[in-house]
Protein backbone atom coordinates (compact mmCIF):
# COMPACT_ATOMS: atom_id res chain seq x y z
CA UNK A 1 0.00 0.00 0.00
CA UNK A 2 1.44 3.37 -1.00
CA UNK A 3 1.83 6.24 1.39
CA UNK A 4 -0.13 9.44 0.89
CA UNK A 5 0.77 12.73 2.58
CA UNK A 6 -1.32 15.88 2.92
CA UNK A 7 0.52 19.17 3.38
CA UNK A 8 -1.26 22.50 3.89
CA UNK A 9 0.68 25.08 1.89
CA UNK A 10 1.23 28.54 3.35
CA UNK A 11 -1.66 30.78 2.26
CA UNK A 12 -2.65 28.17 -0.33
CA UNK A 13 -4.19 24.78 -1.04
CA UNK A 14 -3.69 21.32 0.41
CA UNK A 15 -1.01 19.39 -1.45
CA UNK A 16 -1.84 15.68 -1.61
CA UNK A 17 1.21 13.60 -2.61
CA UNK A 18 1.37 9.89 -3.34
CA UNK A 19 -0.81 7.63 -5.45
CA UNK A 20 -4.27 9.00 -4.74
CA UNK A 21 -7.77 9.03 -6.18
CA UNK A 22 -10.30 11.81 -5.71
CA UNK A 23 -13.90 10.60 -5.82
CA UNK A 24 -17.20 12.45 -6.08
CA UNK A 25 -19.83 11.93 -3.38
CA UNK A 26 -21.44 9.22 -5.54
CA UNK A 27 -18.13 7.31 -5.70
CA UNK A 28 -17.28 8.29 -9.27
CA UNK A 29 -13.56 8.84 -9.72
CA UNK A 30 -12.78 12.46 -10.60
CA UNK A 31 -8.99 12.20 -10.82
CA UNK A 32 -6.21 9.73 -10.17
CA UNK A 33 -2.71 11.20 -9.82
CA UNK A 34 0.52 11.21 -7.83
CA UNK A 35 -0.07 14.82 -6.74
CA UNK A 36 -3.19 16.99 -6.51
CA UNK A 37 -3.90 20.38 -4.98
CA UNK A 38 -7.20 20.76 -3.15
CA UNK A 39 -8.88 24.12 -2.53
CA UNK A 40 -9.19 25.31 1.06
CA UNK A 41 -10.05 28.98 0.45
CA UNK A 42 -13.51 28.18 -0.95
CA UNK A 43 -13.15 30.46 -3.99
CA UNK A 44 -12.01 27.95 -6.62
CA UNK A 45 -14.19 27.56 -9.70
CA UNK A 46 -12.81 24.00 -10.07
CA UNK A 47 -13.61 22.61 -6.63
CA UNK A 48 -12.43 20.42 -5.08
CA UNK A 49 -9.24 21.38 -6.93
CA UNK A 50 -7.28 24.59 -6.53
CA UNK A 51 -7.36 27.04 -9.45
CA UNK A 52 -5.22 29.77 -7.84
CA UNK A 53 -8.17 31.85 -6.60
CA UNK A 54 -6.58 32.04 -3.13
CA UNK A 55 -4.10 34.57 -4.56
CA UNK A 56 -6.86 36.80 -5.96
CA UNK A 57 -8.88 36.88 -2.74
CA UNK A 58 -5.90 37.23 -0.39
CA UNK A 59 -6.44 33.94 1.45
CA UNK A 60 -4.28 33.74 4.57
CA UNK A 61 -3.63 30.56 6.54
CA UNK A 62 -2.09 29.91 9.91
CA UNK A 63 0.40 27.34 8.59
CA UNK A 64 4.03 27.97 9.44
CA UNK A 65 6.65 26.90 6.91
PDB file of N, CA and C in Angstrom:
ATOM      1  N   UNK A   1       0.850  -1.181   0.000  1.00  0.00           N
ATOM      2  CA  UNK A   1       0.000   0.000   0.000  1.00  0.00           C
ATOM      3  C   UNK A   1       0.894   1.242   0.000  1.00  0.00           C
ATOM      4  N   UNK A   2       0.604   2.182  -0.898  1.00  0.00           N
ATOM      5  CA  UNK A   2       1.439   3.374  -1.001  1.00  0.00           C
ATOM      6  C   UNK A   2       1.058   4.404   0.049  1.00  0.00           C
ATOM      7  N   UNK A   3       2.030   5.208   0.382  1.00  0.00           N
ATOM      8  CA  UNK A   3       1.829   6.235   1.392  1.00  0.00           C
ATOM      9  C   UNK A   3       1.360   7.531   0.737  1.00  0.00           C
ATOM     10  N   UNK A   4       0.391   8.164   1.363  1.00  0.00           N
ATOM     11  CA  UNK A   4      -0.134   9.442   0.894  1.00  0.00           C
ATOM     12  C   UNK A   4       0.109  10.475   1.988  1.00  0.00           C
ATOM     13  N   UNK A   5       0.576  11.662   1.593  1.00  0.00           N
ATOM     14  CA  UNK A   5       0.767  12.725   2.580  1.00  0.00           C
ATOM     15  C   UNK A   5      -0.040  13.946   2.156  1.00  0.00           C
ATOM     16  N   UNK A   6      -0.549  14.666   3.150  1.00  0.00           N
ATOM     17  CA  UNK A   6      -1.318  15.878   2.917  1.00  0.00           C
ATOM     18  C   UNK A   6      -0.601  17.018   3.616  1.00  0.00           C
ATOM     19  N   UNK A   7      -0.232  18.033   2.843  1.00  0.00           N
ATOM     20  CA  UNK A   7       0.516  19.167   3.378  1.00  0.00           C
ATOM     21  C   UNK A   7      -0.242  20.456   3.088  1.00  0.00           C
ATOM     22  N   UNK A   8      -0.648  21.186   4.130  1.00  0.00           N
ATOM     23  CA  UNK A   8      -1.259  22.496   3.887  1.00  0.00           C
ATOM     24  C   UNK A   8      -0.162  23.484   3.496  1.00  0.00           C
ATOM     25  N   UNK A   9      -0.307  24.114   2.344  1.00  0.00           N
ATOM     26  CA  UNK A   9       0.685  25.079   1.891  1.00  0.00           C
ATOM     27  C   UNK A   9       0.368  26.456   2.462  1.00  0.00           C
ATOM     28  N   UNK A  10       1.401  27.218   2.762  1.00  0.00           N
ATOM     29  CA  UNK A  10       1.235  28.536   3.348  1.00  0.00           C
ATOM     30  C   UNK A  10       0.366  29.403   2.430  1.00  0.00           C
ATOM     31  N   UNK A  11      -0.724  29.912   2.979  1.00  0.00           N
ATOM     32  CA  UNK A  11      -1.656  30.781   2.258  1.00  0.00           C
ATOM     33  C   UNK A  11      -2.137  30.169   0.933  1.00  0.00           C
ATOM     34  N   UNK A  12      -2.251  28.838   0.903  1.00  0.00           N
ATOM     35  CA  UNK A  12      -2.650  28.169  -0.328  1.00  0.00           C
ATOM     36  C   UNK A  12      -3.413  26.882  -0.086  1.00  0.00           C
ATOM     37  N   UNK A  13      -3.395  25.999  -1.078  1.00  0.00           N
ATOM     38  CA  UNK A  13      -4.186  24.777  -1.044  1.00  0.00           C
ATOM     39  C   UNK A  13      -3.556  23.671  -0.205  1.00  0.00           C
ATOM     40  N   UNK A  14      -4.240  22.534  -0.171  1.00  0.00           N
ATOM     41  CA  UNK A  14      -3.695  21.321   0.406  1.00  0.00           C
ATOM     42  C   UNK A  14      -2.990  20.568  -0.710  1.00  0.00           C
ATOM     43  N   UNK A  15      -1.752  20.191  -0.487  1.00  0.00           N
ATOM     44  CA  UNK A  15      -1.007  19.386  -1.452  1.00  0.00           C
ATOM     45  C   UNK A  15      -1.116  17.933  -1.028  1.00  0.00           C
ATOM     46  N   UNK A  16      -1.695  17.108  -1.884  1.00  0.00           N
ATOM     47  CA  UNK A  16      -1.840  15.685  -1.607  1.00  0.00           C
ATOM     48  C   UNK A  16      -0.840  14.961  -2.500  1.00  0.00           C
ATOM     49  N   UNK A  17       0.144  14.285  -1.878  1.00  0.00           N
ATOM     50  CA  UNK A  17       1.208  13.604  -2.614  1.00  0.00           C
ATOM     51  C   UNK A  17       1.136  12.110  -2.367  1.00  0.00           C
ATOM     52  N   UNK A  18       1.429  11.349  -3.396  1.00  0.00           N
ATOM     53  CA  UNK A  18       1.371   9.892  -3.340  1.00  0.00           C
ATOM     54  C   UNK A  18       0.262   9.428  -4.265  1.00  0.00           C
ATOM     55  N   UNK A  19       0.234   8.159  -4.557  1.00  0.00           N
ATOM     56  CA  UNK A  19      -0.809   7.632  -5.450  1.00  0.00           C
ATOM     57  C   UNK A  19      -2.169   7.836  -4.788  1.00  0.00           C
ATOM     58  N   UNK A  20      -2.972   8.709  -5.352  1.00  0.00           N
ATOM     59  CA  UNK A  20      -4.271   9.002  -4.740  1.00  0.00           C
ATOM     60  C   UNK A  20      -5.360   9.108  -5.792  1.00  0.00           C
ATOM     61  N   UNK A  21      -6.590   8.873  -5.345  1.00  0.00           N
ATOM     62  CA  UNK A  21      -7.774   9.033  -6.183  1.00  0.00           C
ATOM     63  C   UNK A  21      -8.711   9.991  -5.483  1.00  0.00           C
ATOM     64  N   UNK A  22      -9.296  10.890  -6.237  1.00  0.00           N
ATOM     65  CA  UNK A  22     -10.299  11.808  -5.709  1.00  0.00           C
ATOM     66  C   UNK A  22     -11.629  11.358  -6.291  1.00  0.00           C
ATOM     67  N   UNK A  23     -12.584  11.076  -5.400  1.00  0.00           N
ATOM     68  CA  UNK A  23     -13.897  10.595  -5.816  1.00  0.00           C
ATOM     69  C   UNK A  23     -14.979  11.612  -5.487  1.00  0.00           C
ATOM     70  N   UNK A  24     -16.016  11.638  -6.336  1.00  0.00           N
ATOM     71  CA  UNK A  24     -17.200  12.450  -6.078  1.00  0.00           C
ATOM     72  C   UNK A  24     -18.014  11.782  -4.978  1.00  0.00           C
ATOM     73  N   UNK A  25     -19.017  12.476  -4.477  1.00  0.00           N
ATOM     74  CA  UNK A  25     -19.833  11.927  -3.381  1.00  0.00           C
ATOM     75  C   UNK A  25     -20.561  10.653  -3.784  1.00  0.00           C
ATOM     76  N   UNK A  26     -20.775  10.447  -5.086  1.00  0.00           N
ATOM     77  CA  UNK A  26     -21.437   9.218  -5.536  1.00  0.00           C
ATOM     78  C   UNK A  26     -20.452   8.088  -5.805  1.00  0.00           C
ATOM     79  N   UNK A  27     -19.155   8.327  -5.534  1.00  0.00           N
ATOM     80  CA  UNK A  27     -18.130   7.309  -5.704  1.00  0.00           C
ATOM     81  C   UNK A  27     -17.435   7.339  -7.051  1.00  0.00           C
ATOM     82  N   UNK A  28     -17.898   8.167  -7.962  1.00  0.00           N
ATOM     83  CA  UNK A  28     -17.281   8.292  -9.273  1.00  0.00           C
ATOM     84  C   UNK A  28     -15.891   8.908  -9.139  1.00  0.00           C
ATOM     85  N   UNK A  29     -14.915   8.298  -9.779  1.00  0.00           N
ATOM     86  CA  UNK A  29     -13.558   8.839  -9.718  1.00  0.00           C
ATOM     87  C   UNK A  29     -13.459  10.117 -10.551  1.00  0.00           C
ATOM     88  N   UNK A  30     -12.966  11.182  -9.914  1.00  0.00           N
ATOM     89  CA  UNK A  30     -12.780  12.464 -10.595  1.00  0.00           C
ATOM     90  C   UNK A  30     -11.369  12.552 -11.168  1.00  0.00           C
ATOM     91  N   UNK A  31     -10.387  12.134 -10.383  1.00  0.00           N
ATOM     92  CA  UNK A  31      -8.993  12.204 -10.815  1.00  0.00           C
ATOM     93  C   UNK A  31      -8.165  11.181 -10.062  1.00  0.00           C
ATOM     94  N   UNK A  32      -7.192  10.623 -10.764  1.00  0.00           N
ATOM     95  CA  UNK A  32      -6.209   9.730 -10.166  1.00  0.00           C
ATOM     96  C   UNK A  32      -4.842  10.296 -10.549  1.00  0.00           C
ATOM     97  N   UNK A  33      -4.002  10.570  -9.549  1.00  0.00           N
ATOM     98  CA  UNK A  33      -2.706  11.201  -9.825  1.00  0.00           C
ATOM     99  C   UNK A  33      -1.749  10.964  -8.668  1.00  0.00           C
ATOM    100  N   UNK A  34      -0.488  11.295  -8.889  1.00  0.00           N
ATOM    101  CA  UNK A  34       0.517  11.213  -7.826  1.00  0.00           C
ATOM    102  C   UNK A  34       0.564  12.478  -6.985  1.00  0.00           C
ATOM    103  N   UNK A  35      -0.027  13.575  -7.505  1.00  0.00           N
ATOM    104  CA  UNK A  35      -0.072  14.821  -6.739  1.00  0.00           C
ATOM    105  C   UNK A  35      -1.279  15.630  -7.187  1.00  0.00           C
ATOM    106  N   UNK A  36      -2.067  16.091  -6.221  1.00  0.00           N
ATOM    107  CA  UNK A  36      -3.186  16.987  -6.511  1.00  0.00           C
ATOM    108  C   UNK A  36      -3.181  18.118  -5.495  1.00  0.00           C
ATOM    109  N   UNK A  37      -3.798  19.224  -5.870  1.00  0.00           N
ATOM    110  CA  UNK A  37      -3.903  20.382  -4.985  1.00  0.00           C
ATOM    111  C   UNK A  37      -5.378  20.656  -4.759  1.00  0.00           C
ATOM    112  N   UNK A  38      -5.792  20.594  -3.503  1.00  0.00           N
ATOM    113  CA  UNK A  38      -7.197  20.764  -3.145  1.00  0.00           C
ATOM    114  C   UNK A  38      -7.432  22.146  -2.543  1.00  0.00           C
ATOM    115  N   UNK A  39      -8.512  22.783  -2.991  1.00  0.00           N
ATOM    116  CA  UNK A  39      -8.875  24.115  -2.527  1.00  0.00           C
ATOM    117  C   UNK A  39      -9.190  24.103  -1.030  1.00  0.00           C
ATOM    118  N   UNK A  40      -8.727  25.116  -0.322  1.00  0.00           N
ATOM    119  CA  UNK A  40      -9.189  25.311   1.055  1.00  0.00           C
ATOM    120  C   UNK A  40      -9.629  26.735   1.320  1.00  0.00           C
ATOM    121  N   UNK A  41      -9.586  27.595   0.274  1.00  0.00           N
ATOM    122  CA  UNK A  41     -10.049  28.976   0.449  1.00  0.00           C
ATOM    123  C   UNK A  41     -11.544  29.106   0.154  1.00  0.00           C
ATOM    124  N   UNK A  42     -12.092  28.155  -0.619  1.00  0.00           N
ATOM    125  CA  UNK A  42     -13.507  28.176  -0.950  1.00  0.00           C
ATOM    126  C   UNK A  42     -13.855  28.966  -2.197  1.00  0.00           C
ATOM    127  N   UNK A  43     -12.871  29.603  -2.843  1.00  0.00           N
ATOM    128  CA  UNK A  43     -13.154  30.461  -3.989  1.00  0.00           C
ATOM    129  C   UNK A  43     -12.898  29.800  -5.346  1.00  0.00           C
ATOM    130  N   UNK A  44     -12.338  28.606  -5.360  1.00  0.00           N
ATOM    131  CA  UNK A  44     -12.008  27.946  -6.617  1.00  0.00           C
ATOM    132  C   UNK A  44     -13.247  27.669  -7.456  1.00  0.00           C
ATOM    133  N   UNK A  45     -13.123  27.890  -8.756  1.00  0.00           N
ATOM    134  CA  UNK A  45     -14.195  27.562  -9.699  1.00  0.00           C
ATOM    135  C   UNK A  45     -14.094  26.098 -10.127  1.00  0.00           C
ATOM    136  N   UNK A  46     -13.031  25.396  -9.688  1.00  0.00           N
ATOM    137  CA  UNK A  46     -12.807  24.004 -10.074  1.00  0.00           C
ATOM    138  C   UNK A  46     -12.790  23.082  -8.860  1.00  0.00           C
ATOM    139  N   UNK A  47     -13.578  23.417  -7.846  1.00  0.00           N
ATOM    140  CA  UNK A  47     -13.613  22.612  -6.627  1.00  0.00           C
ATOM    141  C   UNK A  47     -13.864  21.153  -6.960  1.00  0.00           C
ATOM    142  N   UNK A  48     -13.218  20.237  -6.295  1.00  0.00           N
ATOM    143  CA  UNK A  48     -12.434  20.424  -5.075  1.00  0.00           C
ATOM    144  C   UNK A  48     -10.992  20.852  -5.324  1.00  0.00           C
ATOM    145  N   UNK A  49     -10.624  21.072  -6.598  1.00  0.00           N
ATOM    146  CA  UNK A  49      -9.238  21.378  -6.932  1.00  0.00           C
ATOM    147  C   UNK A  49      -8.961  22.879  -6.868  1.00  0.00           C
ATOM    148  N   UNK A  50      -7.717  23.202  -6.588  1.00  0.00           N
ATOM    149  CA  UNK A  50      -7.278  24.595  -6.528  1.00  0.00           C
ATOM    150  C   UNK A  50      -7.115  25.144  -7.940  1.00  0.00           C
ATOM    151  N   UNK A  51      -7.573  26.370  -8.163  1.00  0.00           N
ATOM    152  CA  UNK A  51      -7.360  27.044  -9.447  1.00  0.00           C
ATOM    153  C   UNK A  51      -6.590  28.351  -9.278  1.00  0.00           C
ATOM    154  N   UNK A  52      -6.007  28.563  -8.097  1.00  0.00           N
ATOM    155  CA  UNK A  52      -5.220  29.767  -7.841  1.00  0.00           C
ATOM    156  C   UNK A  52      -6.020  30.941  -7.307  1.00  0.00           C
ATOM    157  N   UNK A  53      -7.313  30.754  -7.079  1.00  0.00           N
ATOM    158  CA  UNK A  53      -8.169  31.852  -6.602  1.00  0.00           C
ATOM    159  C   UNK A  53      -7.724  32.400  -5.254  1.00  0.00           C
ATOM    160  N   UNK A  54      -7.023  31.583  -4.455  1.00  0.00           N
ATOM    161  CA  UNK A  54      -6.576  32.039  -3.134  1.00  0.00           C
ATOM    162  C   UNK A  54      -5.694  33.290  -3.251  1.00  0.00           C
ATOM    163  N   UNK A  55      -4.953  33.396  -4.352  1.00  0.00           N
ATOM    164  CA  UNK A  55      -4.099  34.568  -4.560  1.00  0.00           C
ATOM    165  C   UNK A  55      -4.939  35.813  -4.815  1.00  0.00           C
ATOM    166  N   UNK A  56      -6.004  35.665  -5.600  1.00  0.00           N
ATOM    167  CA  UNK A  56      -6.855  36.801  -5.955  1.00  0.00           C
ATOM    168  C   UNK A  56      -7.636  37.346  -4.767  1.00  0.00           C
ATOM    169  N   UNK A  57      -8.056  36.433  -3.863  1.00  0.00           N
ATOM    170  CA  UNK A  57      -8.878  36.883  -2.738  1.00  0.00           C
ATOM    171  C   UNK A  57      -8.069  37.184  -1.480  1.00  0.00           C
ATOM    172  N   UNK A  58      -6.750  36.940  -1.540  1.00  0.00           N
ATOM    173  CA  UNK A  58      -5.901  37.229  -0.388  1.00  0.00           C
ATOM    174  C   UNK A  58      -6.053  36.248   0.751  1.00  0.00           C
ATOM    175  N   UNK A  59      -6.297  34.968   0.421  1.00  0.00           N
ATOM    176  CA  UNK A  59      -6.438  33.935   1.447  1.00  0.00           C
ATOM    177  C   UNK A  59      -5.192  33.867   2.309  1.00  0.00           C
ATOM    178  N   UNK A  60      -5.381  33.831   3.615  1.00  0.00           N
ATOM    179  CA  UNK A  60      -4.282  33.740   4.567  1.00  0.00           C
ATOM    180  C   UNK A  60      -4.541  32.558   5.480  1.00  0.00           C
ATOM    181  N   UNK A  61      -3.511  31.722   5.659  1.00  0.00           N
ATOM    182  CA  UNK A  61      -3.632  30.564   6.538  1.00  0.00           C
ATOM    183  C   UNK A  61      -2.722  30.743   7.742  1.00  0.00           C
ATOM    184  N   UNK A  62      -2.903  29.869   8.700  1.00  0.00           N
ATOM    185  CA  UNK A  62      -2.092  29.908   9.913  1.00  0.00           C
ATOM    186  C   UNK A  62      -0.989  28.872   9.890  1.00  0.00           C
ATOM    187  N   UNK A  63      -0.650  28.356   8.721  1.00  0.00           N
ATOM    188  CA  UNK A  63       0.398  27.344   8.587  1.00  0.00           C
ATOM    189  C   UNK A  63       1.761  28.018   8.619  1.00  0.00           C
ATOM    190  N   UNK A  64       2.663  27.449   9.393  1.00  0.00           N
ATOM    191  CA  UNK A  64       4.027  27.969   9.439  1.00  0.00           C
ATOM    192  C   UNK A  64       4.926  27.069   8.603  1.00  0.00           C
ATOM    193  N   UNK A  65       5.766  27.669   7.784  1.00  0.00           N
ATOM    194  CA  UNK A  65       6.652  26.899   6.908  1.00  0.00           C
ATOM    195  C   UNK A  65       7.744  26.233   7.701  1.00  0.00           C
TER     196      UNK A  65
END
